[in-house]
Amino acid sequence: MEAVAYEYGSKELLRRLADPFWFQAFSCVLGFDWHSSGTTTTTTGALKMAVKPAVHGFRVAGGERQDR
């Protein structure tokens, strides 16, 4: 994420995250099995923890609740 945002900007990062094929590949890069259920929720939860709004200019919504 940092590399894409740095090289191509936040708009391109958002465009890529919105692409279902890119998002699925990104989930696989993070180590999630490509056909298991919950990859979207888990990946979105990881993004929510990793994204720094002040740096990227956007926030991530969704994913697993972290306050359990």
N, C-alpha and C. Protein backbone atom coordinates (compact mmCIF):
# COMPACT_ATOMS: atom_id res chain seq x y z
N MET A 1 0.80 -1.17 0.00
CA MET A 1 0.00 0.00 0.00
C MET A 1 0.85 1.25 0.00
N GLU A 2 1.83 1.26 0.87
CA GLU A 2 2.70 2.44 0.94
C GLU A 2 3.39 2.69 -0.39
N ALA A 3 3.85 1.63 -1.02
CA ALA A 3 4.56 1.78 -2.29
C ALA A 3 3.63 2.28 -3.39
N VAL A 4 2.42 1.74 -3.47
CA VAL A 4 1.46 2.19 -4.50
C VAL A 4 1.09 3.64 -4.26
N ALA A 5 0.80 4.00 -3.00
CA ALA A 5 0.44 5.38 -2.69
C ALA A 5 1.60 6.33 -2.98
N TYR A 6 2.80 5.91 -2.66
CA TYR A 6 3.98 6.75 -2.91
C TYR A 6 4.24 6.93 -4.40
N GLU A 7 4.20 5.83 -5.14
CA GLU A 7 4.53 5.87 -6.57
C GLU A 7 3.42 6.46 -7.43
N TYR A 8 2.16 6.15 -7.09
CA TYR A 8 1.05 6.50 -7.99
C TYR A 8 0.02 7.43 -7.37
N GLY A 9 0.07 7.64 -6.07
CA GLY A 9 -0.86 8.53 -5.40
C GLY A 9 -2.04 7.80 -4.77
N SER A 10 -2.73 8.51 -3.88
CA SER A 10 -3.85 7.93 -3.14
C SER A 10 -5.02 7.58 -4.04
N LYS A 11 -5.26 8.38 -5.08
CA LYS A 11 -6.38 8.08 -5.98
C LYS A 11 -6.17 6.75 -6.69
N GLU A 12 -4.94 6.48 -7.11
CA GLU A 12 -4.66 5.20 -7.77
C GLU A 12 -4.77 4.05 -6.78
N LEU A 13 -4.35 4.26 -5.55
CA LEU A 13 -4.49 3.22 -4.54
C LEU A 13 -5.97 2.90 -4.32
N LEU A 14 -6.80 3.90 -4.21
CA LEU A 14 -8.24 3.67 -4.06
C LEU A 14 -8.83 2.96 -5.27
N ARG A 15 -8.38 3.34 -6.47
CA ARG A 15 -8.86 2.69 -7.69
C ARG A 15 -8.50 1.21 -7.67
N ARG A 16 -7.30 0.91 -7.26
CA ARG A 16 -6.87 -0.49 -7.21
C ARG A 16 -7.61 -1.27 -6.13
N LEU A 17 -7.81 -0.67 -4.98
CA LEU A 17 -8.55 -1.36 -3.91
C LEU A 17 -9.99 -1.64 -4.33
N ALA A 18 -10.55 -0.80 -5.19
CA ALA A 18 -11.92 -0.99 -5.66
C ALA A 18 -12.03 -2.05 -6.75
N ASP A 19 -10.91 -2.42 -7.34
CA ASP A 19 -10.90 -3.45 -8.39
C ASP A 19 -10.93 -4.82 -7.71
N PRO A 20 -11.99 -5.62 -7.92
CA PRO A 20 -12.10 -6.90 -7.20
C PRO A 20 -10.96 -7.87 -7.49
N PHE A 21 -10.41 -7.86 -8.69
CA PHE A 21 -9.31 -8.77 -9.00
C PHE A 21 -8.03 -8.33 -8.29
N TRP A 22 -7.78 -7.03 -8.28
CA TRP A 22 -6.59 -6.52 -7.59
C TRP A 22 -6.72 -6.76 -6.09
N PHE A 23 -7.91 -6.50 -5.55
CA PHE A 23 -8.13 -6.68 -4.11
C PHE A 23 -7.93 -8.14 -3.72
N GLN A 24 -8.42 -9.06 -4.54
CA GLN A 24 -8.24 -10.49 -4.26
C GLN A 24 -6.76 -10.86 -4.30
N ALA A 25 -6.04 -10.34 -5.29
CA ALA A 25 -4.60 -10.60 -5.37
C ALA A 25 -3.88 -10.00 -4.17
N PHE A 26 -4.30 -8.82 -3.76
CA PHE A 26 -3.71 -8.16 -2.59
C PHE A 26 -3.93 -9.02 -1.34
N SER A 27 -5.14 -9.59 -1.21
CA SER A 27 -5.42 -10.48 -0.09
C SER A 27 -4.48 -11.68 -0.08
N CYS A 28 -4.20 -12.21 -1.27
CA CYS A 28 -3.28 -13.35 -1.38
C CYS A 28 -1.87 -12.95 -0.99
N VAL A 29 -1.45 -11.74 -1.38
CA VAL A 29 -0.12 -11.26 -1.02
C VAL A 29 0.01 -11.15 0.50
N LEU A 30 -1.09 -10.78 1.15
CA LEU A 30 -1.08 -10.68 2.61
C LEU A 30 -1.10 -12.05 3.28
N GLY A 31 -1.32 -13.10 2.50
CA GLY A 31 -1.24 -14.45 3.04
C GLY A 31 -2.57 -15.15 3.22
N PHE A 32 -3.65 -14.56 2.70
CA PHE A 32 -4.96 -15.20 2.83
C PHE A 32 -5.19 -16.12 1.63
N ASP A 33 -5.85 -17.24 1.89
CA ASP A 33 -6.15 -18.20 0.83
C ASP A 33 -7.15 -17.60 -0.14
N TRP A 34 -6.92 -17.74 -1.42
CA TRP A 34 -7.71 -17.03 -2.43
C TRP A 34 -9.17 -17.44 -2.44
N HIS A 35 -9.51 -18.64 -2.03
CA HIS A 35 -10.90 -19.08 -2.12
C HIS A 35 -11.56 -19.25 -0.75
N SER A 36 -10.91 -18.83 0.30
CA SER A 36 -11.53 -18.98 1.62
C SER A 36 -12.50 -17.83 1.87
N SER A 37 -13.51 -18.11 2.65
CA SER A 37 -14.46 -17.06 2.97
C SER A 37 -13.84 -16.12 4.00
N GLY A 38 -14.25 -14.89 3.96
CA GLY A 38 -13.78 -13.91 4.93
C GLY A 38 -12.55 -13.14 4.54
N THR A 39 -12.03 -13.34 3.33
CA THR A 39 -10.82 -12.60 2.96
C THR A 39 -11.10 -11.11 2.85
N THR A 40 -12.28 -10.74 2.37
CA THR A 40 -12.61 -9.32 2.25
C THR A 40 -12.68 -8.69 3.64
N THR A 41 -13.35 -9.34 4.56
CA THR A 41 -13.48 -8.81 5.92
C THR A 41 -12.12 -8.72 6.60
N THR A 42 -11.33 -9.76 6.46
CA THR A 42 -10.02 -9.80 7.12
C THR A 42 -9.06 -8.78 6.51
N THR A 43 -9.04 -8.69 5.18
CA THR A 43 -8.17 -7.73 4.51
C THR A 43 -8.59 -6.30 4.84
N THR A 44 -9.90 -6.04 4.84
CA THR A 44 -10.37 -4.70 5.18
C THR A 44 -10.02 -4.35 6.63
N GLY A 45 -10.14 -5.31 7.52
CA GLY A 45 -9.75 -5.08 8.91
C GLY A 45 -8.27 -4.77 9.04
N ALA A 46 -7.44 -5.48 8.28
CA ALA A 46 -5.99 -5.21 8.30
C ALA A 46 -5.70 -3.83 7.74
N LEU A 47 -6.40 -3.46 6.67
CA LEU A 47 -6.21 -2.13 6.09
C LEU A 47 -6.62 -1.04 7.07
N LYS A 48 -7.73 -1.29 7.79
CA LYS A 48 -8.21 -0.29 8.75
C LYS A 48 -7.15 -0.03 9.81
N MET A 49 -6.45 -1.08 10.22
CA MET A 49 -5.40 -0.91 11.23
C MET A 49 -4.15 -0.26 10.65
N ALA A 50 -3.88 -0.49 9.36
CA ALA A 50 -2.62 -0.04 8.77
C ALA A 50 -2.67 1.36 8.17
N VAL A 51 -3.82 1.78 7.67
CA VAL A 51 -3.91 3.06 6.95
C VAL A 51 -3.82 4.21 7.94
N LYS A 52 -2.95 5.14 7.62
CA LYS A 52 -2.81 6.37 8.40
C LYS A 52 -3.52 7.48 7.61
N PRO A 53 -4.72 7.91 8.06
CA PRO A 53 -5.48 8.90 7.29
C PRO A 53 -4.71 10.17 6.97
N ALA A 54 -3.86 10.61 7.87
CA ALA A 54 -3.11 11.84 7.62
C ALA A 54 -2.13 11.67 6.46
N VAL A 55 -1.66 10.46 6.25
CA VAL A 55 -0.70 10.20 5.18
C VAL A 55 -1.41 9.97 3.85
N HIS A 56 -2.46 9.15 3.86
CA HIS A 56 -3.11 8.74 2.62
C HIS A 56 -4.31 9.59 2.23
N GLY A 57 -4.89 10.30 3.18
CA GLY A 57 -6.01 11.17 2.86
C GLY A 57 -7.36 10.47 2.82
N PHE A 58 -7.45 9.23 3.32
CA PHE A 58 -8.72 8.53 3.40
C PHE A 58 -8.70 7.58 4.58
N ARG A 59 -9.89 7.13 4.97
CA ARG A 59 -10.04 6.17 6.05
C ARG A 59 -10.66 4.90 5.50
N VAL A 60 -10.45 3.80 6.20
CA VAL A 60 -11.02 2.51 5.80
C VAL A 60 -12.17 2.20 6.75
N ALA A 61 -13.31 1.82 6.18
CA ALA A 61 -14.47 1.41 6.98
C ALA A 61 -14.75 -0.05 6.70
N GLY A 62 -15.33 -0.73 7.68
CA GLY A 62 -15.64 -2.14 7.51
C GLY A 62 -14.61 -3.02 8.17
N GLY A 63 -14.67 -4.28 7.85
CA GLY A 63 -13.73 -5.22 8.44
C GLY A 63 -14.18 -5.69 9.81
N GLU A 64 -13.37 -6.50 10.42
CA GLU A 64 -13.67 -7.04 11.75
C GLU A 64 -13.58 -5.95 12.81
N ARG A 65 -14.43 -6.09 13.83
CA ARG A 65 -14.35 -5.17 14.95
C ARG A 65 -13.12 -5.52 15.78
N GLN A 66 -12.38 -4.51 16.19
CA GLN A 66 -11.15 -4.73 16.95
C GLN A 66 -11.35 -4.54 18.44
N ASP A 67 -12.53 -4.09 18.87
CA ASP A 67 -12.74 -3.75 20.26
C ASP A 67 -13.40 -4.86 21.07
N ARG A 68 -13.31 -6.07 20.64
CA ARG A 68 -13.95 -7.18 21.37
C ARG A 68 -13.17 -7.57 22.58
